């Protein structure tokens, strides 16, 4: 499963960093639609408009905020996560190729060190 960098940018006026973060969180919670930038790599970047269907159903038709044009609509119900199946790896996986390359670099460095020592 690939990883994506998802960012949201809000320009807010506040007294300090904590207040601005609190305002941004409240705005994200209250808005029915939120625009995100989703980046897979340097060439695959998309603007995605996420609509929370539970909030749009409760909004009145007289909502004075301007409507955003949807580029892509995604249902954002929270996923069901089984806590027993979560496995977080805290180390890099050691593959045979990685081991061989690492050992080769170590041996080359050791050999160069011995040659330099002998020439001195």
PDB file of N, CA and C in Angstrom:
ATOM      1  N   UNK A   1       0.843  -1.165   0.000  1.00  0.00           N
ATOM      2  CA  UNK A   1       0.000   0.000   0.000  1.00  0.00           C
ATOM      3  C   UNK A   1       0.897   1.239   0.000  1.00  0.00           C
ATOM      4  N   UNK A   2       0.691   2.177  -0.927  1.00  0.00           N
ATOM      5  CA  UNK A   2       1.573   3.352  -1.011  1.00  0.00           C
ATOM      6  C   UNK A   2       1.283   4.373   0.095  1.00  0.00           C
ATOM      7  N   UNK A   3       2.231   5.247   0.324  1.00  0.00           N
ATOM      8  CA  UNK A   3       2.081   6.344   1.276  1.00  0.00           C
ATOM      9  C   UNK A   3       1.838   7.636   0.518  1.00  0.00           C
ATOM     10  N   UNK A   4       1.033   8.521   1.087  1.00  0.00           N
ATOM     11  CA  UNK A   4       0.736   9.823   0.509  1.00  0.00           C
ATOM     12  C   UNK A   4       0.991  10.901   1.557  1.00  0.00           C
ATOM     13  N   UNK A   5       1.476  12.045   1.099  1.00  0.00           N
ATOM     14  CA  UNK A   5       1.619  13.205   1.970  1.00  0.00           C
ATOM     15  C   UNK A   5       0.379  14.061   1.762  1.00  0.00           C
ATOM     16  N   UNK A   6      -0.445  14.195   2.808  1.00  0.00           N
ATOM     17  CA  UNK A   6      -1.689  14.950   2.728  1.00  0.00           C
ATOM     18  C   UNK A   6      -1.527  16.205   3.576  1.00  0.00           C
ATOM     19  N   UNK A   7      -1.707  17.371   2.945  1.00  0.00           N
ATOM     20  CA  UNK A   7      -1.551  18.632   3.671  1.00  0.00           C
ATOM     21  C   UNK A   7      -2.776  19.506   3.485  1.00  0.00           C
ATOM     22  N   UNK A   8      -3.017  20.319   4.492  1.00  0.00           N
ATOM     23  CA  UNK A   8      -4.077  21.327   4.437  1.00  0.00           C
ATOM     24  C   UNK A   8      -3.459  22.623   4.935  1.00  0.00           C
ATOM     25  N   UNK A   9      -3.725  23.709   4.246  1.00  0.00           N
ATOM     26  CA  UNK A   9      -3.169  24.992   4.631  1.00  0.00           C
ATOM     27  C   UNK A   9      -4.298  25.955   4.956  1.00  0.00           C
ATOM     28  N   UNK A  10      -4.209  26.592   6.116  1.00  0.00           N
ATOM     29  CA  UNK A  10      -5.177  27.601   6.517  1.00  0.00           C
ATOM     30  C   UNK A  10      -4.424  28.845   6.969  1.00  0.00           C
ATOM     31  N   UNK A  11      -4.857  29.995   6.488  1.00  0.00           N
ATOM     32  CA  UNK A  11      -4.299  31.258   6.945  1.00  0.00           C
ATOM     33  C   UNK A  11      -5.285  31.837   7.951  1.00  0.00           C
ATOM     34  N   UNK A  12      -4.890  31.878   9.226  1.00  0.00           N
ATOM     35  CA  UNK A  12      -5.787  32.303  10.299  1.00  0.00           C
ATOM     36  C   UNK A  12      -5.133  33.384  11.136  1.00  0.00           C
ATOM     37  N   UNK A  13      -5.942  34.297  11.619  1.00  0.00           N
ATOM     38  CA  UNK A  13      -5.453  35.329  12.528  1.00  0.00           C
ATOM     39  C   UNK A  13      -5.700  34.853  13.952  1.00  0.00           C
ATOM     40  N   UNK A  14      -4.635  34.868  14.768  1.00  0.00           N
ATOM     41  CA  UNK A  14      -4.758  34.404  16.149  1.00  0.00           C
ATOM     42  C   UNK A  14      -3.691  35.066  17.007  1.00  0.00           C
ATOM     43  N   UNK A  15      -3.837  34.903  18.319  1.00  0.00           N
ATOM     44  CA  UNK A  15      -2.910  35.520  19.261  1.00  0.00           C
ATOM     45  C   UNK A  15      -1.543  34.828  19.281  1.00  0.00           C
ATOM     46  N   UNK A  16      -1.530  33.490  19.126  1.00  0.00           N
ATOM     47  CA  UNK A  16      -0.278  32.741  19.143  1.00  0.00           C
ATOM     48  C   UNK A  16      -0.450  31.433  18.372  1.00  0.00           C
ATOM     49  N   UNK A  17       0.602  30.616  18.394  1.00  0.00           N
ATOM     50  CA  UNK A  17       0.587  29.370  17.628  1.00  0.00           C
ATOM     51  C   UNK A  17      -0.484  28.406  18.105  1.00  0.00           C
ATOM     52  N   UNK A  18      -0.653  28.319  19.427  1.00  0.00           N
ATOM     53  CA  UNK A  18      -1.633  27.381  19.980  1.00  0.00           C
ATOM     54  C   UNK A  18      -3.043  27.792  19.592  1.00  0.00           C
ATOM     55  N   UNK A  19      -3.348  29.075  19.702  1.00  0.00           N
ATOM     56  CA  UNK A  19      -4.691  29.563  19.348  1.00  0.00           C
ATOM     57  C   UNK A  19      -4.960  29.362  17.854  1.00  0.00           C
ATOM     58  N   UNK A  20      -3.942  29.581  17.015  1.00  0.00           N
ATOM     59  CA  UNK A  20      -4.144  29.391  15.580  1.00  0.00           C
ATOM     60  C   UNK A  20      -4.387  27.918  15.256  1.00  0.00           C
ATOM     61  N   UNK A  21      -3.671  27.023  15.935  1.00  0.00           N
ATOM     62  CA  UNK A  21      -3.889  25.593  15.713  1.00  0.00           C
ATOM     63  C   UNK A  21      -5.286  25.186  16.180  1.00  0.00           C
ATOM     64  N   UNK A  22      -5.742  25.743  17.301  1.00  0.00           N
ATOM     65  CA  UNK A  22      -7.085  25.440  17.793  1.00  0.00           C
ATOM     66  C   UNK A  22      -8.148  25.947  16.817  1.00  0.00           C
ATOM     67  N   UNK A  23      -7.936  27.152  16.279  1.00  0.00           N
ATOM     68  CA  UNK A  23      -8.880  27.690  15.294  1.00  0.00           C
ATOM     69  C   UNK A  23      -8.930  26.831  14.035  1.00  0.00           C
ATOM     70  N   UNK A  24      -7.758  26.383  13.580  1.00  0.00           N
ATOM     71  CA  UNK A  24      -7.706  25.538  12.386  1.00  0.00           C
ATOM     72  C   UNK A  24      -8.442  24.227  12.626  1.00  0.00           C
ATOM     73  N   UNK A  25      -8.252  23.637  13.802  1.00  0.00           N
ATOM     74  CA  UNK A  25      -8.940  22.393  14.116  1.00  0.00           C
ATOM     75  C   UNK A  25     -10.447  22.597  14.156  1.00  0.00           C
ATOM     76  N   UNK A  26     -10.899  23.681  14.764  1.00  0.00           N
ATOM     77  CA  UNK A  26     -12.344  23.957  14.829  1.00  0.00           C
ATOM     78  C   UNK A  26     -12.912  24.190  13.429  1.00  0.00           C
ATOM     79  N   UNK A  27     -12.149  24.867  12.582  1.00  0.00           N
ATOM     80  CA  UNK A  27     -12.605  25.105  11.205  1.00  0.00           C
ATOM     81  C   UNK A  27     -12.705  23.794  10.435  1.00  0.00           C
ATOM     82  N   UNK A  28     -11.706  22.905  10.604  1.00  0.00           N
ATOM     83  CA  UNK A  28     -11.750  21.605   9.930  1.00  0.00           C
ATOM     84  C   UNK A  28     -12.933  20.768  10.415  1.00  0.00           C
ATOM     85  N   UNK A  29     -13.221  20.849  11.712  1.00  0.00           N
ATOM     86  CA  UNK A  29     -14.340  20.076  12.264  1.00  0.00           C
ATOM     87  C   UNK A  29     -15.693  20.608  11.811  1.00  0.00           C
ATOM     88  N   UNK A  30     -15.803  21.928  11.619  1.00  0.00           N
ATOM     89  CA  UNK A  30     -17.099  22.516  11.320  1.00  0.00           C
ATOM     90  C   UNK A  30     -17.419  22.589   9.830  1.00  0.00           C
ATOM     91  N   UNK A  31     -16.400  22.636   8.975  1.00  0.00           N
ATOM     92  CA  UNK A  31     -16.650  22.744   7.538  1.00  0.00           C
ATOM     93  C   UNK A  31     -17.140  21.416   6.972  1.00  0.00           C
ATOM     94  N   UNK A  32     -18.094  21.504   6.062  1.00  0.00           N
ATOM     95  CA  UNK A  32     -18.613  20.293   5.414  1.00  0.00           C
ATOM     96  C   UNK A  32     -17.676  19.829   4.310  1.00  0.00           C
ATOM     97  N   UNK A  33     -16.900  20.748   3.736  1.00  0.00           N
ATOM     98  CA  UNK A  33     -15.943  20.391   2.696  1.00  0.00           C
ATOM     99  C   UNK A  33     -14.599  21.014   3.030  1.00  0.00           C
ATOM    100  N   UNK A  34     -13.547  20.246   2.816  1.00  0.00           N
ATOM    101  CA  UNK A  34     -12.187  20.711   3.103  1.00  0.00           C
ATOM    102  C   UNK A  34     -11.303  20.330   1.929  1.00  0.00           C
ATOM    103  N   UNK A  35     -10.445  21.260   1.510  1.00  0.00           N
ATOM    104  CA  UNK A  35      -9.545  21.001   0.392  1.00  0.00           C
ATOM    105  C   UNK A  35      -8.170  20.597   0.913  1.00  0.00           C
ATOM    106  N   UNK A  36      -7.633  19.529   0.346  1.00  0.00           N
ATOM    107  CA  UNK A  36      -6.328  19.021   0.719  1.00  0.00           C
ATOM    108  C   UNK A  36      -5.444  18.932  -0.512  1.00  0.00           C
ATOM    109  N   UNK A  37      -4.137  18.989  -0.274  1.00  0.00           N
ATOM    110  CA  UNK A  37      -3.164  18.703  -1.316  1.00  0.00           C
ATOM    111  C   UNK A  37      -2.602  17.323  -1.013  1.00  0.00           C
ATOM    112  N   UNK A  38      -2.727  16.409  -1.975  1.00  0.00           N
ATOM    113  CA  UNK A  38      -2.275  15.034  -1.788  1.00  0.00           C
ATOM    114  C   UNK A  38      -1.109  14.791  -2.735  1.00  0.00           C
ATOM    115  N   UNK A  39       0.035  14.412  -2.150  1.00  0.00           N
ATOM    116  CA  UNK A  39       1.264  14.253  -2.932  1.00  0.00           C
ATOM    117  C   UNK A  39       1.741  12.811  -2.822  1.00  0.00           C
ATOM    118  N   UNK A  40       1.855  12.148  -3.984  1.00  0.00           N
ATOM    119  CA  UNK A  40       2.408  10.790  -4.026  1.00  0.00           C
ATOM    120  C   UNK A  40       3.917  10.858  -4.235  1.00  0.00           C
ATOM    121  N   UNK A  41       4.340  11.668  -5.189  1.00  0.00           N
ATOM    122  CA  UNK A  41       5.751  11.955  -5.420  1.00  0.00           C
ATOM    123  C   UNK A  41       5.826  13.352  -6.028  1.00  0.00           C
ATOM    124  N   UNK A  42       7.006  13.759  -6.491  1.00  0.00           N
ATOM    125  CA  UNK A  42       7.173  15.124  -6.991  1.00  0.00           C
ATOM    126  C   UNK A  42       6.368  15.408  -8.253  1.00  0.00           C
ATOM    127  N   UNK A  43       5.967  14.390  -8.981  1.00  0.00           N
ATOM    128  CA  UNK A  43       5.213  14.614 -10.217  1.00  0.00           C
ATOM    129  C   UNK A  43       3.721  14.332 -10.062  1.00  0.00           C
ATOM    130  N   UNK A  44       3.317  13.608  -9.035  1.00  0.00           N
ATOM    131  CA  UNK A  44       1.907  13.264  -8.829  1.00  0.00           C
ATOM    132  C   UNK A  44       1.353  13.996  -7.618  1.00  0.00           C
ATOM    133  N   UNK A  45       0.826  15.202  -7.880  1.00  0.00           N
ATOM    134  CA  UNK A  45       0.244  16.043  -6.829  1.00  0.00           C
ATOM    135  C   UNK A  45      -1.166  16.407  -7.267  1.00  0.00           C
ATOM    136  N   UNK A  46      -2.145  16.183  -6.386  1.00  0.00           N
ATOM    137  CA  UNK A  46      -3.543  16.474  -6.725  1.00  0.00           C
ATOM    138  C   UNK A  46      -4.188  17.308  -5.624  1.00  0.00           C
ATOM    139  N   UNK A  47      -5.108  18.151  -6.032  1.00  0.00           N
ATOM    140  CA  UNK A  47      -5.959  18.874  -5.096  1.00  0.00           C
ATOM    141  C   UNK A  47      -7.226  18.043  -4.920  1.00  0.00           C
ATOM    142  N   UNK A  48      -7.564  17.698  -3.690  1.00  0.00           N
ATOM    143  CA  UNK A  48      -8.719  16.856  -3.418  1.00  0.00           C
ATOM    144  C   UNK A  48      -9.650  17.591  -2.473  1.00  0.00           C
ATOM    145  N   UNK A  49     -10.914  17.640  -2.839  1.00  0.00           N
ATOM    146  CA  UNK A  49     -11.937  18.255  -2.002  1.00  0.00           C
ATOM    147  C   UNK A  49     -12.707  17.135  -1.327  1.00  0.00           C
ATOM    148  N   UNK A  50     -12.629  17.075  -0.004  1.00  0.00           N
ATOM    149  CA  UNK A  50     -13.282  16.016   0.757  1.00  0.00           C
ATOM    150  C   UNK A  50     -14.571  16.560   1.343  1.00  0.00           C
ATOM    151  N   UNK A  51     -15.653  15.829   1.139  1.00  0.00           N
ATOM    152  CA  UNK A  51     -16.953  16.226   1.651  1.00  0.00           C
ATOM    153  C   UNK A  51     -17.374  15.262   2.745  1.00  0.00           C
ATOM    154  N   UNK A  52     -17.708  15.800   3.908  1.00  0.00           N
ATOM    155  CA  UNK A  52     -18.204  14.982   5.011  1.00  0.00           C
ATOM    156  C   UNK A  52     -19.717  14.926   4.878  1.00  0.00           C
ATOM    157  N   UNK A  53     -20.242  13.785   4.486  1.00  0.00           N
ATOM    158  CA  UNK A  53     -21.680  13.665   4.208  1.00  0.00           C
ATOM    159  C   UNK A  53     -22.526  13.818   5.463  1.00  0.00           C
ATOM    160  N   UNK A  54     -21.992  13.520   6.640  1.00  0.00           N
ATOM    161  CA  UNK A  54     -22.785  13.679   7.861  1.00  0.00           C
ATOM    162  C   UNK A  54     -23.015  15.154   8.181  1.00  0.00           C
ATOM    163  N   UNK A  55     -22.046  16.022   7.788  1.00  0.00           N
ATOM    164  CA  UNK A  55     -22.223  17.458   8.032  1.00  0.00           C
ATOM    165  C   UNK A  55     -23.080  18.115   6.950  1.00  0.00           C
ATOM    166  N   UNK A  56     -22.959  17.684   5.714  1.00  0.00           N
ATOM    167  CA  UNK A  56     -23.723  18.330   4.651  1.00  0.00           C
ATOM    168  C   UNK A  56     -25.212  18.058   4.804  1.00  0.00           C
ATOM    169  N   UNK A  57     -25.577  16.922   5.380  1.00  0.00           N
ATOM    170  CA  UNK A  57     -26.994  16.618   5.578  1.00  0.00           C
ATOM    171  C   UNK A  57     -27.607  17.533   6.630  1.00  0.00           C
ATOM    172  N   UNK A  58     -26.813  17.998   7.593  1.00  0.00           N
ATOM    173  CA  UNK A  58     -27.356  18.824   8.657  1.00  0.00           C
ATOM    174  C   UNK A  58     -27.305  20.319   8.348  1.00  0.00           C
ATOM    175  N   UNK A  59     -26.662  20.722   7.259  1.00  0.00           N
ATOM    176  CA  UNK A  59     -26.567  22.130   6.897  1.00  0.00           C
ATOM    177  C   UNK A  59     -27.880  22.629   6.298  1.00  0.00           C
ATOM    178  N   UNK A  60     -28.180  23.876   6.549  1.00  0.00           N
ATOM    179  CA  UNK A  60     -29.379  24.465   5.957  1.00  0.00           C
ATOM    180  C   UNK A  60     -29.072  24.965   4.551  1.00  0.00           C
ATOM    181  N   UNK A  61     -30.100  25.204   3.764  1.00  0.00           N
ATOM    182  CA  UNK A  61     -29.912  25.662   2.388  1.00  0.00           C
ATOM    183  C   UNK A  61     -29.441  27.107   2.336  1.00  0.00           C
ATOM    184  N   UNK A  62     -29.583  27.864   3.420  1.00  0.00           N
ATOM    185  CA  UNK A  62     -29.198  29.280   3.448  1.00  0.00           C
ATOM    186  C   UNK A  62     -27.760  29.475   3.912  1.00  0.00           C
ATOM    187  N   UNK A  63     -26.913  28.514   3.746  1.00  0.00           N
ATOM    188  CA  UNK A  63     -25.522  28.620   4.163  1.00  0.00           C
ATOM    189  C   UNK A  63     -24.855  29.739   3.359  1.00  0.00           C
ATOM    190  N   UNK A  64     -24.372  30.817   4.027  1.00  0.00           N
ATOM    191  CA  UNK A  64     -23.824  31.967   3.301  1.00  0.00           C
ATOM    192  C   UNK A  64     -22.422  31.739   2.747  1.00  0.00           C
ATOM    193  N   UNK A  65     -21.751  30.680   3.148  1.00  0.00           N
ATOM    194  CA  UNK A  65     -20.388  30.462   2.671  1.00  0.00           C
ATOM    195  C   UNK A  65     -20.396  30.083   1.195  1.00  0.00           C
ATOM    196  N   UNK A  66     -19.381  30.526   0.455  1.00  0.00           N
ATOM    197  CA  UNK A  66     -19.337  30.175  -0.968  1.00  0.00           C
ATOM    198  C   UNK A  66     -19.137  28.678  -1.149  1.00  0.00           C
ATOM    199  N   UNK A  67     -19.715  28.166  -2.192  1.00  0.00           N
ATOM    200  CA  UNK A  67     -19.599  26.742  -2.493  1.00  0.00           C
ATOM    201  C   UNK A  67     -18.276  26.480  -3.210  1.00  0.00           C
ATOM    202  N   UNK A  68     -17.588  25.437  -2.828  1.00  0.00           N
ATOM    203  CA  UNK A  68     -16.356  25.047  -3.487  1.00  0.00           C
ATOM    204  C   UNK A  68     -16.682  24.032  -4.569  1.00  0.00           C
ATOM    205  N   UNK A  69     -16.011  24.143  -5.687  1.00  0.00           N
ATOM    206  CA  UNK A  69     -16.243  23.185  -6.753  1.00  0.00           C
ATOM    207  C   UNK A  69     -15.439  21.925  -6.472  1.00  0.00           C
ATOM    208  N   UNK A  70     -16.122  20.812  -6.518  1.00  0.00           N
ATOM    209  CA  UNK A  70     -15.486  19.546  -6.172  1.00  0.00           C
ATOM    210  C   UNK A  70     -14.585  19.080  -7.304  1.00  0.00           C
ATOM    211  N   UNK A  71     -13.347  18.740  -6.952  1.00  0.00           N
ATOM    212  CA  UNK A  71     -12.441  18.129  -7.909  1.00  0.00           C
ATOM    213  C   UNK A  71     -12.576  16.611  -7.800  1.00  0.00           C
ATOM    214  N   UNK A  72     -12.756  16.159  -6.576  1.00  0.00           N
ATOM    215  CA  UNK A  72     -12.967  14.750  -6.318  1.00  0.00           C
ATOM    216  C   UNK A  72     -13.645  14.666  -4.960  1.00  0.00           C
ATOM    217  N   UNK A  73     -14.701  13.899  -4.858  1.00  0.00           N
ATOM    218  CA  UNK A  73     -15.420  13.772  -3.605  1.00  0.00           C
ATOM    219  C   UNK A  73     -15.114  12.414  -3.001  1.00  0.00           C
ATOM    220  N   UNK A  74     -14.797  12.445  -1.712  1.00  0.00           N
ATOM    221  CA  UNK A  74     -14.433  11.224  -1.019  1.00  0.00           C
ATOM    222  C   UNK A  74     -15.305  11.112   0.225  1.00  0.00           C
ATOM    223  N   UNK A  75     -15.857   9.932   0.467  1.00  0.00           N
ATOM    224  CA  UNK A  75     -16.609   9.684   1.690  1.00  0.00           C
ATOM    225  C   UNK A  75     -15.606   9.576   2.826  1.00  0.00           C
ATOM    226  N   UNK A  76     -15.754  10.374   3.866  1.00  0.00           N
ATOM    227  CA  UNK A  76     -14.733  10.379   4.915  1.00  0.00           C
ATOM    228  C   UNK A  76     -15.261   9.848   6.236  1.00  0.00           C
ATOM    229  N   UNK A  77     -15.976   8.757   6.182  1.00  0.00           N
ATOM    230  CA  UNK A  77     -16.344   8.077   7.418  1.00  0.00           C
ATOM    231  C   UNK A  77     -15.091   7.444   7.993  1.00  0.00           C
ATOM    232  N   UNK A  78     -14.943   7.469   9.321  1.00  0.00           N
ATOM    233  CA  UNK A  78     -13.718   6.909   9.892  1.00  0.00           C
ATOM    234  C   UNK A  78     -13.629   5.411   9.631  1.00  0.00           C
ATOM    235  N   UNK A  79     -12.440   4.928   9.293  1.00  0.00           N
ATOM    236  CA  UNK A  79     -12.290   3.496   9.025  1.00  0.00           C
ATOM    237  C   UNK A  79     -12.357   2.680  10.305  1.00  0.00           C
ATOM    238  N   UNK A  80     -12.750   1.447  10.177  1.00  0.00           N
ATOM    239  CA  UNK A  80     -12.773   0.536  11.312  1.00  0.00           C
ATOM    240  C   UNK A  80     -11.392  -0.104  11.406  1.00  0.00           C
ATOM    241  N   UNK A  81     -10.742   0.088  12.545  1.00  0.00           N
ATOM    242  CA  UNK A  81      -9.388  -0.414  12.731  1.00  0.00           C
ATOM    243  C   UNK A  81      -9.388  -1.419  13.868  1.00  0.00           C
ATOM    244  N   UNK A  82      -8.874  -2.602  13.595  1.00  0.00           N
ATOM    245  CA  UNK A  82      -8.721  -3.616  14.619  1.00  0.00           C
ATOM    246  C   UNK A  82      -7.379  -3.388  15.297  1.00  0.00           C
ATOM    247  N   UNK A  83      -7.395  -2.986  16.556  1.00  0.00           N
ATOM    248  CA  UNK A  83      -6.164  -2.641  17.271  1.00  0.00           C
ATOM    249  C   UNK A  83      -5.215  -3.835  17.404  1.00  0.00           C
ATOM    250  N   UNK A  84      -5.731  -5.054  17.331  1.00  0.00           N
ATOM    251  CA  UNK A  84      -4.869  -6.225  17.446  1.00  0.00           C
ATOM    252  C   UNK A  84      -4.041  -6.461  16.194  1.00  0.00           C
ATOM    253  N   UNK A  85      -4.472  -5.904  15.052  1.00  0.00           N
ATOM    254  CA  UNK A  85      -3.772  -6.130  13.796  1.00  0.00           C
ATOM    255  C   UNK A  85      -2.749  -5.047  13.475  1.00  0.00           C
ATOM    256  N   UNK A  86      -2.624  -4.033  14.315  1.00  0.00           N
ATOM    257  CA  UNK A  86      -1.680  -2.952  14.054  1.00  0.00           C
ATOM    258  C   UNK A  86      -0.277  -3.423  14.411  1.00  0.00           C
ATOM    259  N   UNK A  87       0.620  -3.310  13.449  1.00  0.00           N
ATOM    260  CA  UNK A  87       2.018  -3.709  13.645  1.00  0.00           C
ATOM    261  C   UNK A  87       2.890  -2.570  13.145  1.00  0.00           C
ATOM    262  N   UNK A  88       3.629  -1.944  14.034  1.00  0.00           N
ATOM    263  CA  UNK A  88       4.485  -0.831  13.654  1.00  0.00           C
ATOM    264  C   UNK A  88       5.931  -1.314  13.687  1.00  0.00           C
ATOM    265  N   UNK A  89       6.601  -1.188  12.565  1.00  0.00           N
ATOM    266  CA  UNK A  89       7.997  -1.593  12.476  1.00  0.00           C
ATOM    267  C   UNK A  89       8.869  -0.420  12.882  1.00  0.00           C
ATOM    268  N   UNK A  90       9.775  -0.657  13.819  1.00  0.00           N
ATOM    269  CA  UNK A  90      10.654   0.411  14.288  1.00  0.00           C
ATOM    270  C   UNK A  90      12.056   0.279  13.721  1.00  0.00           C
ATOM    271  N   UNK A  91      12.288  -0.703  12.841  1.00  0.00           N
ATOM    272  CA  UNK A  91      13.605  -0.877  12.236  1.00  0.00           C
ATOM    273  C   UNK A  91      13.451  -1.095  10.741  1.00  0.00           C
ATOM    274  N   UNK A  92      14.549  -0.922  10.023  1.00  0.00           N
ATOM    275  CA  UNK A  92      14.533  -1.118   8.580  1.00  0.00           C
ATOM    276  C   UNK A  92      14.566  -2.610   8.299  1.00  0.00           C
ATOM    277  N   UNK A  93      13.821  -3.056   7.342  1.00  0.00           N
ATOM    278  CA  UNK A  93      13.868  -4.479   7.026  1.00  0.00           C
ATOM    279  C   UNK A  93      15.222  -4.849   6.413  1.00  0.00           C
ATOM    280  N   UNK A  94      15.786  -5.963   6.840  1.00  0.00           N
ATOM    281  CA  UNK A  94      17.082  -6.418   6.343  1.00  0.00           C
ATOM    282  C   UNK A  94      16.835  -7.443   5.251  1.00  0.00           C
ATOM    283  N   UNK A  95      17.184  -7.081   4.042  1.00  0.00           N
ATOM    284  CA  UNK A  95      17.046  -8.001   2.918  1.00  0.00           C
ATOM    285  C   UNK A  95      18.410  -8.576   2.579  1.00  0.00           C
ATOM    286  N   UNK A  96      18.419  -9.634   1.789  1.00  0.00           N
ATOM    287  CA  UNK A  96      19.681 -10.257   1.384  1.00  0.00           C
ATOM    288  C   UNK A  96      20.519  -9.287   0.564  1.00  0.00           C
ATOM    289  N   UNK A  97      19.868  -8.559  -0.338  1.00  0.00           N
ATOM    290  CA  UNK A  97      20.590  -7.598  -1.164  1.00  0.00           C
ATOM    291  C   UNK A  97      21.185  -6.489  -0.292  1.00  0.00           C
ATOM    292  N   UNK A  98      20.422  -5.993   0.667  1.00  0.00           N
ATOM    293  CA  UNK A  98      20.915  -4.948   1.557  1.00  0.00           C
ATOM    294  C   UNK A  98      22.089  -5.421   2.397  1.00  0.00           C
ATOM    295  N   UNK A  99      22.001  -6.677   2.855  1.00  0.00           N
ATOM    296  CA  UNK A  99      23.102  -7.243   3.636  1.00  0.00           C
ATOM    297  C   UNK A  99      24.371  -7.349   2.800  1.00  0.00           C
ATOM    298  N   UNK A 100      24.234  -7.831   1.580  1.00  0.00           N
ATOM    299  CA  UNK A 100      25.399  -7.997   0.703  1.00  0.00           C
ATOM    300  C   UNK A 100      26.030  -6.647   0.379  1.00  0.00           C
ATOM    301  N   UNK A 101      25.219  -5.653   0.062  1.00  0.00           N
ATOM    302  CA  UNK A 101      25.741  -4.320  -0.242  1.00  0.00           C
ATOM    303  C   UNK A 101      26.417  -3.725   0.993  1.00  0.00           C
ATOM    304  N   UNK A 102      25.800  -3.848   2.154  1.00  0.00           N
ATOM    305  CA  UNK A 102      26.391  -3.312   3.381  1.00  0.00           C
ATOM    306  C   UNK A 102      27.699  -3.987   3.730  1.00  0.00           C
ATOM    307  N   UNK A 103      27.717  -5.317   3.611  1.00  0.00           N
ATOM    308  CA  UNK A 103      28.944  -6.051   3.902  1.00  0.00           C
ATOM    309  C   UNK A 103      30.043  -5.702   2.903  1.00  0.00           C
ATOM    310  N   UNK A 104      29.665  -5.531   1.631  1.00  0.00           N
ATOM    311  CA  UNK A 104      30.636  -5.159   0.606  1.00  0.00           C
ATOM    312  C   UNK A 104      31.248  -3.787   0.884  1.00  0.00           C
ATOM    313  N   UNK A 105      30.414  -2.831   1.287  1.00  0.00           N
ATOM    314  CA  UNK A 105      30.926  -1.497   1.623  1.00  0.00           C
ATOM    315  C   UNK A 105      31.849  -1.551   2.843  1.00  0.00           C
ATOM    316  N   UNK A 106      31.467  -2.353   3.838  1.00  0.00           N
ATOM    317  CA  UNK A 106      32.309  -2.494   5.021  1.00  0.00           C
ATOM    318  C   UNK A 106      33.661  -3.089   4.645  1.00  0.00           C
ATOM    319  N   UNK A 107      33.649  -4.165   3.831  1.00  0.00           N
ATOM    320  CA  UNK A 107      34.889  -4.829   3.428  1.00  0.00           C
ATOM    321  C   UNK A 107      35.762  -3.888   2.602  1.00  0.00           C
ATOM    322  N   UNK A 108      35.156  -3.119   1.695  1.00  0.00           N
ATOM    323  CA  UNK A 108      35.925  -2.172   0.884  1.00  0.00           C
ATOM    324  C   UNK A 108      36.564  -1.109   1.765  1.00  0.00           C
ATOM    325  N   UNK A 109      35.821  -0.593   2.719  1.00  0.00           N
ATOM    326  CA  UNK A 109      36.376   0.414   3.623  1.00  0.00           C
ATOM    327  C   UNK A 109      37.497  -0.137   4.473  1.00  0.00           C
ATOM    328  N   UNK A 110      37.332  -1.367   4.943  1.00  0.00           N
ATOM    329  CA  UNK A 110      38.372  -2.007   5.742  1.00  0.00           C
ATOM    330  C   UNK A 110      39.628  -2.237   4.904  1.00  0.00           C
ATOM    331  N   UNK A 111      39.455  -2.686   3.674  1.00  0.00           N
ATOM    332  CA  UNK A 111      40.597  -2.929   2.787  1.00  0.00           C
ATOM    333  C   UNK A 111      41.348  -1.636   2.489  1.00  0.00           C
ATOM    334  N   UNK A 112      40.630  -0.588   2.193  1.00  0.00           N
ATOM    335  CA  UNK A 112      41.270   0.709   1.915  1.00  0.00           C
ATOM    336  C   UNK A 112      42.018   1.199   3.143  1.00  0.00           C
ATOM    337  N   UNK A 113      41.439   0.999   4.315  1.00  0.00           N
ATOM    338  CA  UNK A 113      42.100   1.406   5.558  1.00  0.00           C
ATOM    339  C   UNK A 113      43.397   0.656   5.781  1.00  0.00           C
ATOM    340  N   UNK A 114      43.387  -0.639   5.518  1.00  0.00           N
ATOM    341  CA  UNK A 114      44.608  -1.461   5.676  1.00  0.00           C
ATOM    342  C   UNK A 114      45.673  -1.024   4.679  1.00  0.00           C
ATOM    343  N   UNK A 115      45.296  -0.774   3.422  1.00  0.00           N
ATOM    344  CA  UNK A 115      46.262  -0.340   2.407  1.00  0.00           C
ATOM    345  C   UNK A 115      46.867   1.003   2.786  1.00  0.00           C
ATOM    346  N   UNK A 116      46.050   1.939   3.229  1.00  0.00           N
ATOM    347  CA  UNK A 116      46.570   3.251   3.639  1.00  0.00           C
ATOM    348  C   UNK A 116      47.507   3.119   4.819  1.00  0.00           C
ATOM    349  N   UNK A 117      47.158   2.214   5.774  1.00  0.00           N
ATOM    350  CA  UNK A 117      48.005   1.998   6.936  1.00  0.00           C
ATOM    351  C   UNK A 117      49.352   1.415   6.525  1.00  0.00           C
ATOM    352  N   UNK A 118      49.349   0.480   5.585  1.00  0.00           N
ATOM    353  CA  UNK A 118      50.589  -0.157   5.113  1.00  0.00           C
ATOM    354  C   UNK A 118      51.475   0.824   4.350  1.00  0.00           C
ATOM    355  N   UNK A 119      50.880   1.755   3.631  1.00  0.00           N
ATOM    356  CA  UNK A 119      51.665   2.719   2.843  1.00  0.00           C
ATOM    357  C   UNK A 119      52.276   3.802   3.741  1.00  0.00           C
ATOM    358  N   UNK A 120      51.755   4.000   4.899  1.00  0.00           N
ATOM    359  CA  UNK A 120      52.263   5.065   5.781  1.00  0.00           C
ATOM    360  C   UNK A 120      53.533   4.683   6.491  1.00  0.00           C
TER     361      UNK A 120
END
